[in-house]
Amino acid sequence: MKKYVLCPGHVTSKTDGQVHWVGARQLAFLYCVPMDECYIDTPGSTWKVGQSQEHLDSLTWLFPDYDGLYKTPAR
């Protein structure tokens, strides 16, 4: 069962001010979540088609973090 949505993207580092790309696999690693429990949300992805709003709201959405704090929110 999928529990998370990985939202890869660019983030400006708080420590060095540089822009970094954080991909889906790296996000899963940083948040310590298994890839098989994740959807990957990228432009053009179709995984949301047919999903109820209730299901979408129940998922934990994970993004690159400016502060580098990669802890999954309490559910």
PDB file of N, CA and C in Angstrom:
ATOM      1  N   MET A   1       0.843  -1.178   0.000  1.00  0.00           N
ATOM      2  CA  MET A   1       0.000   0.000   0.000  1.00  0.00           C
ATOM      3  C   MET A   1       0.894   1.249   0.000  1.00  0.00           C
ATOM      4  N   LYS A   2       0.559   2.165  -0.846  1.00  0.00           N
ATOM      5  CA  LYS A   2       1.328   3.408  -0.956  1.00  0.00           C
ATOM      6  C   LYS A   2       0.926   4.358   0.165  1.00  0.00           C
ATOM      7  N   LYS A   3       1.943   4.971   0.793  1.00  0.00           N
ATOM      8  CA  LYS A   3       1.708   5.893   1.901  1.00  0.00           C
ATOM      9  C   LYS A   3       2.271   7.280   1.636  1.00  0.00           C
ATOM     10  N   TYR A   4       3.215   7.367   0.697  1.00  0.00           N
ATOM     11  CA  TYR A   4       3.965   8.604   0.497  1.00  0.00           C
ATOM     12  C   TYR A   4       3.927   9.043  -0.962  1.00  0.00           C
ATOM     13  N   VAL A   5       4.141  10.341  -1.147  1.00  0.00           N
ATOM     14  CA  VAL A   5       4.309  10.893  -2.485  1.00  0.00           C
ATOM     15  C   VAL A   5       5.645  11.624  -2.485  1.00  0.00           C
ATOM     16  N   LEU A   6       6.564  11.168  -3.311  1.00  0.00           N
ATOM     17  CA  LEU A   6       7.857  11.827  -3.452  1.00  0.00           C
ATOM     18  C   LEU A   6       7.731  12.910  -4.516  1.00  0.00           C
ATOM     19  N   CYS A   7       8.140  14.116  -4.163  1.00  0.00           N
ATOM     20  CA  CYS A   7       8.047  15.264  -5.065  1.00  0.00           C
ATOM     21  C   CYS A   7       9.447  15.791  -5.331  1.00  0.00           C
ATOM     22  N   PRO A   8      10.167  15.165  -6.267  1.00  0.00           N
ATOM     23  CA  PRO A   8      11.533  15.611  -6.539  1.00  0.00           C
ATOM     24  C   PRO A   8      11.555  17.044  -7.049  1.00  0.00           C
ATOM     25  N   GLY A   9      12.677  17.711  -6.834  1.00  0.00           N
ATOM     26  CA  GLY A   9      12.790  19.076  -7.311  1.00  0.00           C
ATOM     27  C   GLY A   9      14.065  19.741  -6.865  1.00  0.00           C
ATOM     28  N   HIS A  10      14.175  20.998  -7.228  1.00  0.00           N
ATOM     29  CA  HIS A  10      15.336  21.793  -6.852  1.00  0.00           C
ATOM     30  C   HIS A  10      15.137  22.389  -5.463  1.00  0.00           C
ATOM     31  N   VAL A  11      16.227  22.545  -4.751  1.00  0.00           N
ATOM     32  CA  VAL A  11      16.209  23.196  -3.454  1.00  0.00           C
ATOM     33  C   VAL A  11      17.499  23.992  -3.306  1.00  0.00           C
ATOM     34  N   THR A  12      17.385  25.179  -2.739  1.00  0.00           N
ATOM     35  CA  THR A  12      18.572  25.969  -2.444  1.00  0.00           C
ATOM     36  C   THR A  12      19.052  25.568  -1.061  1.00  0.00           C
ATOM     37  N   SER A  13      20.302  25.193  -0.981  1.00  0.00           N
ATOM     38  CA  SER A  13      20.877  24.733   0.270  1.00  0.00           C
ATOM     39  C   SER A  13      21.034  25.878   1.259  1.00  0.00           C
ATOM     40  N   LYS A  14      20.601  25.654   2.468  1.00  0.00           N
ATOM     41  CA  LYS A  14      20.751  26.637   3.534  1.00  0.00           C
ATOM     42  C   LYS A  14      22.228  26.806   3.900  1.00  0.00           C
ATOM     43  N   THR A  15      23.002  25.727   3.776  1.00  0.00           N
ATOM     44  CA  THR A  15      24.393  25.770   4.208  1.00  0.00           C
ATOM     45  C   THR A  15      25.332  26.412   3.196  1.00  0.00           C
ATOM     46  N   ASP A  16      25.136  26.137   1.898  1.00  0.00           N
ATOM     47  CA  ASP A  16      26.079  26.686   0.916  1.00  0.00           C
ATOM     48  C   ASP A  16      25.452  27.621  -0.112  1.00  0.00           C
ATOM     49  N   GLY A  17      24.119  27.787  -0.068  1.00  0.00           N
ATOM     50  CA  GLY A  17      23.442  28.702  -0.976  1.00  0.00           C
ATOM     51  C   GLY A  17      23.338  28.214  -2.407  1.00  0.00           C
ATOM     52  N   GLN A  18      23.813  27.022  -2.684  1.00  0.00           N
ATOM     53  CA  GLN A  18      23.755  26.476  -4.043  1.00  0.00           C
ATOM     54  C   GLN A  18      22.431  25.769  -4.273  1.00  0.00           C
ATOM     55  N   VAL A  19      22.040  25.708  -5.537  1.00  0.00           N
ATOM     56  CA  VAL A  19      20.817  25.007  -5.919  1.00  0.00           C
ATOM     57  C   VAL A  19      21.180  23.562  -6.235  1.00  0.00           C
ATOM     58  N   HIS A  20      20.447  22.646  -5.645  1.00  0.00           N
ATOM     59  CA  HIS A  20      20.680  21.215  -5.836  1.00  0.00           C
ATOM     60  C   HIS A  20      19.398  20.558  -6.316  1.00  0.00           C
ATOM     61  N   TRP A  21      19.543  19.537  -7.152  1.00  0.00           N
ATOM     62  CA  TRP A  21      18.412  18.714  -7.556  1.00  0.00           C
ATOM     63  C   TRP A  21      18.347  17.530  -6.602  1.00  0.00           C
ATOM     64  N   VAL A  22      17.157  17.295  -6.046  1.00  0.00           N
ATOM     65  CA  VAL A  22      16.941  16.137  -5.183  1.00  0.00           C
ATOM     66  C   VAL A  22      15.936  15.239  -5.895  1.00  0.00           C
ATOM     67  N   GLY A  23      16.402  14.096  -6.352  1.00  0.00           N
ATOM     68  CA  GLY A  23      15.570  13.160  -7.084  1.00  0.00           C
ATOM     69  C   GLY A  23      14.724  12.288  -6.172  1.00  0.00           C
ATOM     70  N   ALA A  24      13.854  11.494  -6.767  1.00  0.00           N
ATOM     71  CA  ALA A  24      12.924  10.654  -6.012  1.00  0.00           C
ATOM     72  C   ALA A  24      13.654   9.645  -5.133  1.00  0.00           C
ATOM     73  N   ARG A  25      14.627   8.943  -5.685  1.00  0.00           N
ATOM     74  CA  ARG A  25      15.356   7.942  -4.880  1.00  0.00           C
ATOM     75  C   ARG A  25      16.105   8.598  -3.732  1.00  0.00           C
ATOM     76  N   GLN A  26      16.679   9.756  -3.987  1.00  0.00           N
ATOM     77  CA  GLN A  26      17.392  10.469  -2.927  1.00  0.00           C
ATOM     78  C   GLN A  26      16.414  10.937  -1.840  1.00  0.00           C
ATOM     79  N   LEU A  27      15.232  11.420  -2.237  1.00  0.00           N
ATOM     80  CA  LEU A  27      14.216  11.808  -1.258  1.00  0.00           C
ATOM     81  C   LEU A  27      13.811  10.616  -0.383  1.00  0.00           C
ATOM     82  N   ALA A  28      13.572   9.470  -1.010  1.00  0.00           N
ATOM     83  CA  ALA A  28      13.206   8.273  -0.250  1.00  0.00           C
ATOM     84  C   ALA A  28      14.306   7.917   0.744  1.00  0.00           C
ATOM     85  N   PHE A  29      15.547   8.000   0.306  1.00  0.00           N
ATOM     86  CA  PHE A  29      16.683   7.713   1.188  1.00  0.00           C
ATOM     87  C   PHE A  29      16.732   8.715   2.343  1.00  0.00           C
ATOM     88  N   LEU A  30      16.623  10.001   2.029  1.00  0.00           N
ATOM     89  CA  LEU A  30      16.719  11.039   3.060  1.00  0.00           C
ATOM     90  C   LEU A  30      15.592  10.941   4.091  1.00  0.00           C
ATOM     91  N   TYR A  31      14.391  10.606   3.626  1.00  0.00           N
ATOM     92  CA  TYR A  31      13.252  10.482   4.532  1.00  0.00           C
ATOM     93  C   TYR A  31      13.142   9.079   5.145  1.00  0.00           C
ATOM     94  N   CYS A  32      14.001   8.167   4.721  1.00  0.00           N
ATOM     95  CA  CYS A  32      13.999   6.781   5.224  1.00  0.00           C
ATOM     96  C   CYS A  32      12.653   6.091   4.991  1.00  0.00           C
ATOM     97  N   VAL A  33      12.158   6.211   3.771  1.00  0.00           N
ATOM     98  CA  VAL A  33      10.914   5.539   3.415  1.00  0.00           C
ATOM     99  C   VAL A  33      11.202   4.574   2.256  1.00  0.00           C
ATOM    100  N   PRO A  34      10.550   3.408   2.247  1.00  0.00           N
ATOM    101  CA  PRO A  34      10.767   2.446   1.170  1.00  0.00           C
ATOM    102  C   PRO A  34      10.129   2.895  -0.143  1.00  0.00           C
ATOM    103  N   MET A  35      10.856   2.737  -1.226  1.00  0.00           N
ATOM    104  CA  MET A  35      10.358   3.148  -2.546  1.00  0.00           C
ATOM    105  C   MET A  35       9.045   2.461  -2.912  1.00  0.00           C
ATOM    106  N   ASP A  36       8.857   1.204  -2.469  1.00  0.00           N
ATOM    107  CA  ASP A  36       7.633   0.499  -2.852  1.00  0.00           C
ATOM    108  C   ASP A  36       6.392   1.031  -2.131  1.00  0.00           C
ATOM    109  N   GLU A  37       6.571   1.956  -1.191  1.00  0.00           N
ATOM    110  CA  GLU A  37       5.443   2.599  -0.523  1.00  0.00           C
ATOM    111  C   GLU A  37       5.222   4.026  -1.032  1.00  0.00           C
ATOM    112  N   CYS A  38       5.854   4.336  -2.170  1.00  0.00           N
ATOM    113  CA  CYS A  38       5.821   5.714  -2.669  1.00  0.00           C
ATOM    114  C   CYS A  38       5.277   5.829  -4.088  1.00  0.00           C
ATOM    115  N   TYR A  39       4.514   6.888  -4.297  1.00  0.00           N
ATOM    116  CA  TYR A  39       4.225   7.376  -5.637  1.00  0.00           C
ATOM    117  C   TYR A  39       5.297   8.422  -5.927  1.00  0.00           C
ATOM    118  N   ILE A  40       5.558   8.664  -7.197  1.00  0.00           N
ATOM    119  CA  ILE A  40       6.486   9.727  -7.576  1.00  0.00           C
ATOM    120  C   ILE A  40       5.696  10.748  -8.385  1.00  0.00           C
ATOM    121  N   ASP A  41       5.675  11.979  -7.890  1.00  0.00           N
ATOM    122  CA  ASP A  41       4.903  13.033  -8.536  1.00  0.00           C
ATOM    123  C   ASP A  41       5.832  13.923  -9.352  1.00  0.00           C
ATOM    124  N   THR A  42       5.731  13.818 -10.640  1.00  0.00           N
ATOM    125  CA  THR A  42       6.523  14.640 -11.554  1.00  0.00           C
ATOM    126  C   THR A  42       5.577  15.229 -12.595  1.00  0.00           C
ATOM    127  N   PRO A  43       5.994  16.293 -13.275  1.00  0.00           N
ATOM    128  CA  PRO A  43       5.131  16.847 -14.330  1.00  0.00           C
ATOM    129  C   PRO A  43       4.754  15.755 -15.338  1.00  0.00           C
ATOM    130  N   GLY A  44       3.493  15.635 -15.609  1.00  0.00           N
ATOM    131  CA  GLY A  44       3.016  14.648 -16.570  1.00  0.00           C
ATOM    132  C   GLY A  44       2.735  13.274 -15.984  1.00  0.00           C
ATOM    133  N   SER A  45       3.008  13.062 -14.697  1.00  0.00           N
ATOM    134  CA  SER A  45       2.731  11.744 -14.122  1.00  0.00           C
ATOM    135  C   SER A  45       1.222  11.537 -14.028  1.00  0.00           C
ATOM    136  N   THR A  46       0.796  10.298 -14.176  1.00  0.00           N
ATOM    137  CA  THR A  46      -0.636   9.993 -14.249  1.00  0.00           C
ATOM    138  C   THR A  46      -1.130   9.168 -13.057  1.00  0.00           C
ATOM    139  N   TRP A  47      -0.311   8.978 -12.056  1.00  0.00           N
ATOM    140  CA  TRP A  47      -0.709   8.117 -10.933  1.00  0.00           C
ATOM    141  C   TRP A  47      -1.941   8.646 -10.193  1.00  0.00           C
ATOM    142  N   LYS A  48      -2.226   9.958 -10.258  1.00  0.00           N
ATOM    143  CA  LYS A  48      -3.366  10.530  -9.531  1.00  0.00           C
ATOM    144  C   LYS A  48      -4.708  10.273 -10.219  1.00  0.00           C
ATOM    145  N   VAL A  49      -4.667   9.899 -11.491  1.00  0.00           N
ATOM    146  CA  VAL A  49      -5.906   9.664 -12.234  1.00  0.00           C
ATOM    147  C   VAL A  49      -6.684   8.528 -11.566  1.00  0.00           C
ATOM    148  N   GLY A  50      -7.920   8.794 -11.250  1.00  0.00           N
ATOM    149  CA  GLY A  50      -8.774   7.771 -10.648  1.00  0.00           C
ATOM    150  C   GLY A  50      -8.643   7.661  -9.136  1.00  0.00           C
ATOM    151  N   GLN A  51      -7.754   8.424  -8.534  1.00  0.00           N
ATOM    152  CA  GLN A  51      -7.600   8.393  -7.073  1.00  0.00           C
ATOM    153  C   GLN A  51      -8.635   9.324  -6.446  1.00  0.00           C
ATOM    154  N   SER A  52      -9.222   8.899  -5.359  1.00  0.00           N
ATOM    155  CA  SER A  52     -10.189   9.760  -4.670  1.00  0.00           C
ATOM    156  C   SER A  52      -9.446  10.859  -3.918  1.00  0.00           C
ATOM    157  N   GLN A  53     -10.135  11.966  -3.691  1.00  0.00           N
ATOM    158  CA  GLN A  53      -9.536  13.059  -2.921  1.00  0.00           C
ATOM    159  C   GLN A  53      -9.207  12.595  -1.506  1.00  0.00           C
ATOM    160  N   GLU A  54     -10.042  11.732  -0.966  1.00  0.00           N
ATOM    161  CA  GLU A  54      -9.798  11.192   0.378  1.00  0.00           C
ATOM    162  C   GLU A  54      -8.467  10.430   0.419  1.00  0.00           C
ATOM    163  N   HIS A  55      -8.217   9.617  -0.604  1.00  0.00           N
ATOM    164  CA  HIS A  55      -6.954   8.870  -0.664  1.00  0.00           C
ATOM    165  C   HIS A  55      -5.773   9.825  -0.813  1.00  0.00           C
ATOM    166  N   LEU A  56      -5.897  10.808  -1.701  1.00  0.00           N
ATOM    167  CA  LEU A  56      -4.809  11.772  -1.897  1.00  0.00           C
ATOM    168  C   LEU A  56      -4.506  12.527  -0.609  1.00  0.00           C
ATOM    169  N   ASP A  57      -5.542  12.875   0.138  1.00  0.00           N
ATOM    170  CA  ASP A  57      -5.361  13.596   1.400  1.00  0.00           C
ATOM    171  C   ASP A  57      -4.726  12.726   2.478  1.00  0.00           C
ATOM    172  N   SER A  58      -4.858  11.414   2.358  1.00  0.00           N
ATOM    173  CA  SER A  58      -4.306  10.515   3.372  1.00  0.00           C
ATOM    174  C   SER A  58      -2.805  10.267   3.179  1.00  0.00           C
ATOM    175  N   LEU A  59      -2.282  10.641   2.024  1.00  0.00           N
ATOM    176  CA  LEU A  59      -0.866  10.404   1.730  1.00  0.00           C
ATOM    177  C   LEU A  59       0.017  11.474   2.362  1.00  0.00           C
ATOM    178  N   THR A  60       1.248  11.102   2.665  1.00  0.00           N
ATOM    179  CA  THR A  60       2.238  12.055   3.168  1.00  0.00           C
ATOM    180  C   THR A  60       3.083  12.506   1.991  1.00  0.00           C
ATOM    181  N   TRP A  61       3.064  13.804   1.718  1.00  0.00           N
ATOM    182  CA  TRP A  61       3.774  14.384   0.579  1.00  0.00           C
ATOM    183  C   TRP A  61       5.156  14.837   1.044  1.00  0.00           C
ATOM    184  N   LEU A  62       6.200  14.372   0.377  1.00  0.00           N
ATOM    185  CA  LEU A  62       7.578  14.635   0.790  1.00  0.00           C
ATOM    186  C   LEU A  62       8.310  15.455  -0.273  1.00  0.00           C
ATOM    187  N   PHE A  63       8.901  16.554   0.150  1.00  0.00           N
ATOM    188  CA  PHE A  63       9.575  17.509  -0.731  1.00  0.00           C
ATOM    189  C   PHE A  63      11.018  17.710  -0.285  1.00  0.00           C
ATOM    190  N   PRO A  64      11.886  18.196  -1.189  1.00  0.00           N
ATOM    191  CA  PRO A  64      13.220  18.611  -0.749  1.00  0.00           C
ATOM    192  C   PRO A  64      13.078  19.695   0.323  1.00  0.00           C
ATOM    193  N   ASP A  65      13.954  19.657   1.311  1.00  0.00           N
ATOM    194  CA  ASP A  65      13.838  20.571   2.449  1.00  0.00           C
ATOM    195  C   ASP A  65      15.010  21.528   2.516  1.00  0.00           C
ATOM    196  N   TYR A  66      14.701  22.815   2.534  1.00  0.00           N
ATOM    197  CA  TYR A  66      15.704  23.878   2.597  1.00  0.00           C
ATOM    198  C   TYR A  66      16.632  23.714   3.802  1.00  0.00           C
ATOM    199  N   ASP A  67      16.076  23.354   4.936  1.00  0.00           N
ATOM    200  CA  ASP A  67      16.862  23.217   6.160  1.00  0.00           C
ATOM    201  C   ASP A  67      17.613  21.890   6.247  1.00  0.00           C
ATOM    202  N   GLY A  68      17.303  20.958   5.352  1.00  0.00           N
ATOM    203  CA  GLY A  68      17.948  19.649   5.391  1.00  0.00           C
ATOM    204  C   GLY A  68      17.397  18.750   6.484  1.00  0.00           C
ATOM    205  N   LEU A  69      16.192  19.057   6.959  1.00  0.00           N
ATOM    206  CA  LEU A  69      15.561  18.249   7.998  1.00  0.00           C
ATOM    207  C   LEU A  69      14.603  17.272   7.348  1.00  0.00           C
ATOM    208  N   TYR A  70      15.017  16.047   7.234  1.00  0.00           N
ATOM    209  CA  TYR A  70      14.229  15.047   6.531  1.00  0.00           C
ATOM    210  C   TYR A  70      13.616  14.056   7.507  1.00  0.00           C
ATOM    211  N   LYS A  71      12.547  14.494   8.170  1.00  0.00           N
ATOM    212  CA  LYS A  71      11.800  13.642   9.070  1.00  0.00           C
ATOM    213  C   LYS A  71      10.371  13.572   8.546  1.00  0.00           C
ATOM    214  N   THR A  72       9.823  12.372   8.484  1.00  0.00           N
ATOM    215  CA  THR A  72       8.442  12.251   8.015  1.00  0.00           C
ATOM    216  C   THR A  72       7.519  12.803   9.092  1.00  0.00           C
ATOM    217  N   PRO A  73       6.517  13.574   8.686  1.00  0.00           N
ATOM    218  CA  PRO A  73       5.586  14.149   9.661  1.00  0.00           C
ATOM    219  C   PRO A  73       4.807  13.036  10.367  1.00  0.00           C
ATOM    220  N   ALA A  74       4.453  13.278  11.616  1.00  0.00           N
ATOM    221  CA  ALA A  74       3.625  12.316  12.355  1.00  0.00           C
ATOM    222  C   ALA A  74       2.269  12.219  11.688  1.00  0.00           C
ATOM    223  N   ARG A  75       1.754  11.013  11.594  1.00  0.00           N
ATOM    224  CA  ARG A  75       0.461  10.799  10.937  1.00  0.00           C
ATOM    225  C   ARG A  75      -0.601  10.573  11.956  1.00  0.00           C
TER     226      ARG A  75
END
